[in-house]
Amino acid sequence: MSEAGVSMAEPGVLRLAGVLDYRSGPVLRKQGKALIAACREAQLVLDCSAVQRSTSVGLSLLLAFMRDAQAAGKGCQVRSMPDDMREIAEVYDLDEVLAT
């Protein structure tokens, strides 16, 4: 199992990594919110290419980060959502909201 993380990989690109679940979610939420608040770019990309596994917590994080970006006046898009996250999004009818 990999340690989860969130980082500003490059300006305007917030990268989620590792396993997104109930153990990692609260810390990632706090860290991601701070990174988005500090970001000066007008457009934010939520990059999921380094996510190894995700529960519904991963989707909750994406939605929360999208709300944070919107509140900060930033456009937002999701990139490279893994299949397990995409399947959960479809169950909750969030696939269009989180379209990549």
C-alpha atoms as a PDB file:
ATOM      1  CA  MET A   1       0.000   0.000   0.000  1.00  0.00           C
ATOM      2  CA  SER A   2       1.258   3.451  -0.902  1.00  0.00           C
ATOM      3  CA  GLU A   3       1.203   6.534   1.237  1.00  0.00           C
ATOM      4  CA  ALA A   4      -1.375   9.017  -0.006  1.00  0.00           C
ATOM      5  CA  GLY A   5      -0.488  12.581  -0.827  1.00  0.00           C
ATOM      6  CA  VAL A   6      -1.589  15.781  -2.494  1.00  0.00           C
ATOM      7  CA  SER A   7       0.829  18.316  -3.936  1.00  0.00           C
ATOM      8  CA  MET A   8       1.033  21.193  -6.375  1.00  0.00           C
ATOM      9  CA  ALA A   9       3.005  19.254  -8.990  1.00  0.00           C
ATOM     10  CA  GLU A  10       3.379  22.358 -11.138  1.00  0.00           C
ATOM     11  CA  PRO A  11       1.605  25.716 -11.131  1.00  0.00           C
ATOM     12  CA  GLY A  12      -2.119  25.058 -11.362  1.00  0.00           C
ATOM     13  CA  VAL A  13      -1.844  21.248 -11.213  1.00  0.00           C
ATOM     14  CA  LEU A  14      -2.932  19.619  -7.961  1.00  0.00           C
ATOM     15  CA  ARG A  15      -1.775  15.986  -7.991  1.00  0.00           C
ATOM     16  CA  LEU A  16      -3.436  13.327  -5.863  1.00  0.00           C
ATOM     17  CA  ALA A  17      -1.405  10.178  -5.252  1.00  0.00           C
ATOM     18  CA  GLY A  18      -1.576   6.813  -3.531  1.00  0.00           C
ATOM     19  CA  VAL A  19      -4.602   5.263  -1.868  1.00  0.00           C
ATOM     20  CA  LEU A  20      -7.561   7.572  -1.251  1.00  0.00           C
ATOM     21  CA  ASP A  21      -9.723   6.206   1.543  1.00  0.00           C
ATOM     22  CA  TYR A  22     -11.128   7.067   4.958  1.00  0.00           C
ATOM     23  CA  ARG A  23      -7.641   6.961   6.510  1.00  0.00           C
ATOM     24  CA  SER A  24      -6.045   9.425   4.119  1.00  0.00           C
ATOM     25  CA  GLY A  25      -9.070  11.588   3.296  1.00  0.00           C
ATOM     26  CA  PRO A  26      -9.134  14.067   6.197  1.00  0.00           C
ATOM     27  CA  VAL A  27      -5.449  14.998   5.909  1.00  0.00           C
ATOM     28  CA  LEU A  28      -5.608  15.263   2.116  1.00  0.00           C
ATOM     29  CA  ARG A  29      -8.698  17.466   2.388  1.00  0.00           C
ATOM     30  CA  LYS A  30      -6.927  19.927   4.657  1.00  0.00           C
ATOM     31  CA  GLN A  31      -3.713  19.947   2.602  1.00  0.00           C
ATOM     32  CA  GLY A  32      -5.522  20.293  -0.728  1.00  0.00           C
ATOM     33  CA  LYS A  33      -7.671  23.164   0.488  1.00  0.00           C
ATOM     34  CA  ALA A  34      -4.555  25.069   1.596  1.00  0.00           C
ATOM     35  CA  LEU A  35      -2.777  24.395  -1.716  1.00  0.00           C
ATOM     36  CA  ILE A  36      -5.779  25.621  -3.716  1.00  0.00           C
ATOM     37  CA  ALA A  37      -6.024  28.775  -1.597  1.00  0.00           C
ATOM     38  CA  ALA A  38      -2.327  29.492  -2.244  1.00  0.00           C
ATOM     39  CA  CYS A  39      -2.550  28.797  -5.996  1.00  0.00           C
ATOM     40  CA  ARG A  40      -2.443  31.942  -8.141  1.00  0.00           C
ATOM     41  CA  GLU A  41      -3.387  30.376 -11.490  1.00  0.00           C
ATOM     42  CA  ALA A  42      -6.862  31.050 -12.924  1.00  0.00           C
ATOM     43  CA  GLN A  43      -7.315  27.410 -13.963  1.00  0.00           C
ATOM     44  CA  LEU A  44      -6.811  24.374 -11.713  1.00  0.00           C
ATOM     45  CA  VAL A  45      -6.263  20.814 -12.899  1.00  0.00           C
ATOM     46  CA  LEU A  46      -6.950  17.967 -10.465  1.00  0.00           C
ATOM     47  CA  ASP A  47      -4.501  15.304 -11.659  1.00  0.00           C
ATOM     48  CA  CYS A  48      -5.390  11.764 -10.557  1.00  0.00           C
ATOM     49  CA  SER A  49      -2.752   9.939 -12.630  1.00  0.00           C
ATOM     50  CA  ALA A  50      -0.822   8.862  -9.509  1.00  0.00           C
ATOM     51  CA  VAL A  51      -3.873   7.512  -7.623  1.00  0.00           C
ATOM     52  CA  GLN A  52      -3.371   3.803  -7.031  1.00  0.00           C
ATOM     53  CA  ARG A  53      -6.752   3.001  -5.515  1.00  0.00           C
ATOM     54  CA  SER A  54      -9.757   4.989  -4.383  1.00  0.00           C
ATOM     55  CA  THR A  55     -12.956   4.547  -2.461  1.00  0.00           C
ATOM     56  CA  SER A  56     -15.801   7.045  -2.552  1.00  0.00           C
ATOM     57  CA  VAL A  57     -13.571   9.224  -0.355  1.00  0.00           C
ATOM     58  CA  GLY A  58     -11.528  10.032  -3.462  1.00  0.00           C
ATOM     59  CA  LEU A  59     -14.622  11.339  -5.210  1.00  0.00           C
ATOM     60  CA  SER A  60     -15.543  13.352  -2.147  1.00  0.00           C
ATOM     61  CA  LEU A  61     -12.082  14.929  -2.236  1.00  0.00           C
ATOM     62  CA  LEU A  62     -12.431  15.834  -5.916  1.00  0.00           C
ATOM     63  CA  LEU A  63     -15.819  17.443  -5.321  1.00  0.00           C
ATOM     64  CA  ALA A  64     -14.509  19.368  -2.311  1.00  0.00           C
ATOM     65  CA  PHE A  65     -11.476  20.578  -4.288  1.00  0.00           C
ATOM     66  CA  MET A  66     -13.759  21.649  -7.133  1.00  0.00           C
ATOM     67  CA  ARG A  67     -15.868  23.666  -4.651  1.00  0.00           C
ATOM     68  CA  ASP A  68     -12.680  25.220  -3.219  1.00  0.00           C
ATOM     69  CA  ALA A  69     -11.520  26.193  -6.710  1.00  0.00           C
ATOM     70  CA  GLN A  70     -14.924  27.652  -7.564  1.00  0.00           C
ATOM     71  CA  ALA A  71     -14.988  29.645  -4.315  1.00  0.00           C
ATOM     72  CA  ALA A  72     -11.547  31.021  -5.226  1.00  0.00           C
ATOM     73  CA  GLY A  73     -12.808  32.050  -8.681  1.00  0.00           C
ATOM     74  CA  LYS A  74     -10.813  29.382 -10.532  1.00  0.00           C
ATOM     75  CA  GLY A  75     -11.880  27.127 -13.367  1.00  0.00           C
ATOM     76  CA  CYS A  76     -11.331  23.454 -12.607  1.00  0.00           C
ATOM     77  CA  GLN A  77     -11.019  20.187 -14.488  1.00  0.00           C
ATOM     78  CA  VAL A  78     -10.175  16.603 -13.559  1.00  0.00           C
ATOM     79  CA  ARG A  79      -7.461  14.727 -15.427  1.00  0.00           C
ATOM     80  CA  SER A  80      -6.585  11.014 -15.586  1.00  0.00           C
ATOM     81  CA  MET A  81      -9.257   9.645 -13.266  1.00  0.00           C
ATOM     82  CA  PRO A  82      -8.558   5.929 -12.632  1.00  0.00           C
ATOM     83  CA  ASP A  83     -11.138   3.316 -13.585  1.00  0.00           C
ATOM     84  CA  ASP A  84     -12.183   2.573  -9.995  1.00  0.00           C
ATOM     85  CA  MET A  85     -12.936   6.250  -9.354  1.00  0.00           C
ATOM     86  CA  ARG A  86     -14.784   6.532 -12.664  1.00  0.00           C
ATOM     87  CA  GLU A  87     -16.938   3.489 -11.844  1.00  0.00           C
ATOM     88  CA  ILE A  88     -17.899   4.909  -8.451  1.00  0.00           C
ATOM     89  CA  ALA A  89     -18.687   8.273 -10.091  1.00  0.00           C
ATOM     90  CA  GLU A  90     -21.054   6.513 -12.507  1.00  0.00           C
ATOM     91  CA  VAL A  91     -22.917   4.852  -9.625  1.00  0.00           C
ATOM     92  CA  TYR A  92     -23.532   8.270  -8.060  1.00  0.00           C
ATOM     93  CA  ASP A  93     -24.283   9.985 -11.407  1.00  0.00           C
ATOM     94  CA  LEU A  94     -21.211  12.163 -10.973  1.00  0.00           C
ATOM     95  CA  ASP A  95     -19.459  11.078 -14.143  1.00  0.00           C
ATOM     96  CA  GLU A  96     -20.549  14.216 -16.036  1.00  0.00           C
ATOM     97  CA  VAL A  97     -19.616  16.531 -13.154  1.00  0.00           C
ATOM     98  CA  LEU A  98     -16.177  14.940 -12.938  1.00  0.00           C
ATOM     99  CA  ALA A  99     -15.725  14.394 -16.689  1.00  0.00           C
ATOM    100  CA  THR A 100     -12.094  14.246 -17.755  1.00  0.00           C
END
